[in-house]
Amino acid sequence: MSSTPAASADDIAKHGWSAVPRDANAILKGKPYLHKPSALKLADMPFPDDDPVVAKVQRYAKKHLLEQTYNHSMRVYYWGHSIIKAQFPEHASKLSMSTWALACLLHDIGTTHSNLRATLLSFEFYGGILALNVTKDSGAPQVQAEAVAEAIIRHQDLGTVGTITFLGQVIQLATVYDNMGFHPELVDEQTRLEVNKGYPRKGWSGCFSKTIMEENGLKPWAHTTHLGEEDFPEGVRGNELMKDVDGWGL
């Protein structure tokens, strides 16, 4: 792979910039999974809070996000960790899990009460801008900060045409798994229960559905509407995969 003006080939792989199909079915080759996932505990998927950049951003996320949103962000980290390691070993051997953690922690930063009202931009776009600044201010190099911003901006850009960064594809897979129950076979059932126990949903399905409708009401042009103004919030609220654990922590 040739380098870009701003990054080496190693940096491209390390921070998840590698181009992959935007179509999740294409990257999974039309199968439920490429490799059968293992049953994992949280301890099997270490969170890189020994990285000072991650630790600083984690404190920022805890301070600014609702508890339900923070727990969702942490669950997304663990879903993605499982997916990356089991399904895409060729990327797992090179990808920085710190970069993955930063993207997860900040992917919904644009949904806070104040941030939804601070801009006319759709929450993913404003969230990407915020994440770019927060990660850089926390000491992240430009190639890492921009990888996080790109993934956040495109994390609801589901579709079947074109390419996306590997980091962006995995955050799509992990968020739609948590929010909609899509691609349920990508995560082992025991892992699903362990992660939800560690970071309980506390009614996340209703909480996020309400946020979607709130943004659509404030910004009828919002990017979220491309997923269906009614279908998307209803799909989140009716998440059958997580129905048995949605009330955990209440």
Foldseek 3Di string as FASTA:
>chain_A
DCADPVDGPLLCLAQQVDKDFLAPCVLQVVDLAPFQFDQDACVVQDQVCVPQLLVQLLVVLVVQDDLLLQLLLVQLLLLLSRLCVGGPVVSVVRYDSSLLSLLSSQLQSCLGPVNLVVDLAASLLSSLVVQLVSSVVSPDDNSSSNSSSQLSNCLVVHDGDDIGGRSNSSSVVSNCCLQQVPSVSSHDPNNVVNSCQVRPNQQVLLVVLVSLLVSCVVHVPHPNCVVPSPVRSVSRNPRPVCVVRNNPPD
